[in-house]
Amino acid sequence: MAYYSLHELNILPHDLMAFSARERAAIYAMISIRVEEEKKERSKSRARKK
């Protein structure tokens, strides 16, 4: 999660840890949703290529 936050959202690790536990949980949940959607899109695009 920290890796994704840094590279995709430009949130530095120390900034991420400065958030409250609730805020971090919300960010992690949103990241999980986004990653799942990206996986679905990749699989759709692979299926189209075949």
Protein backbone atom coordinates (compact mmCIF):
# COMPACT_ATOMS: atom_id res chain seq x y z
CA MET A 1 0.00 0.00 0.00
CA ALA A 2 2.80 2.39 0.84
CA TYR A 3 4.45 1.66 -2.52
CA TYR A 4 1.23 2.42 -4.41
CA SER A 5 0.64 5.54 -2.32
CA LEU A 6 4.10 6.83 -3.12
CA HIS A 7 4.23 6.02 -6.83
CA GLU A 8 0.65 6.54 -7.90
CA LEU A 9 -0.71 9.07 -5.41
CA ASN A 10 2.53 10.89 -4.58
CA ILE A 11 1.97 10.51 -0.84
CA LEU A 12 5.29 10.17 0.98
CA PRO A 13 5.54 7.38 3.56
CA HIS A 14 5.93 9.76 6.49
CA ASP A 15 2.89 11.72 5.28
CA LEU A 16 0.91 8.51 5.00
CA MET A 17 1.80 7.54 8.56
CA ALA A 18 0.82 11.02 9.78
CA PHE A 19 -2.80 10.31 8.82
CA SER A 20 -5.08 8.92 11.48
CA ALA A 21 -5.80 5.20 11.43
CA ARG A 22 -9.24 5.92 9.98
CA GLU A 23 -7.82 8.04 7.17
CA ARG A 24 -5.21 5.38 6.34
CA ALA A 25 -7.91 2.71 6.32
CA ALA A 26 -9.96 4.78 3.88
CA ILE A 27 -6.94 5.33 1.62
CA TYR A 28 -6.09 1.61 1.71
CA ALA A 29 -9.68 0.70 0.84
CA MET A 30 -9.71 3.11 -2.08
CA ILE A 31 -6.37 1.76 -3.31
CA SER A 32 -7.70 -1.79 -3.13
CA ILE A 33 -10.74 -0.85 -5.19
CA ARG A 34 -8.61 0.94 -7.77
CA VAL A 35 -6.18 -1.96 -8.07
CA GLU A 36 -9.05 -4.40 -8.60
CA GLU A 37 -10.52 -2.17 -11.32
CA GLU A 38 -7.12 -1.92 -13.02
CA LYS A 39 -6.82 -5.72 -12.97
CA LYS A 40 -10.25 -6.06 -14.58
CA GLU A 41 -9.32 -3.56 -17.28
CA ARG A 42 -6.07 -5.40 -18.01
CA SER A 43 -7.86 -8.72 -18.33
CA LYS A 44 -10.50 -7.14 -20.61
CA SER A 45 -7.86 -5.65 -22.86
CA ARG A 46 -5.99 -8.96 -23.02
CA ALA A 47 -9.20 -10.74 -23.97
CA ARG A 48 -9.82 -8.22 -26.77
CA LYS A 49 -6.36 -8.80 -28.21
CA LYS A 50 -6.96 -12.54 -28.61
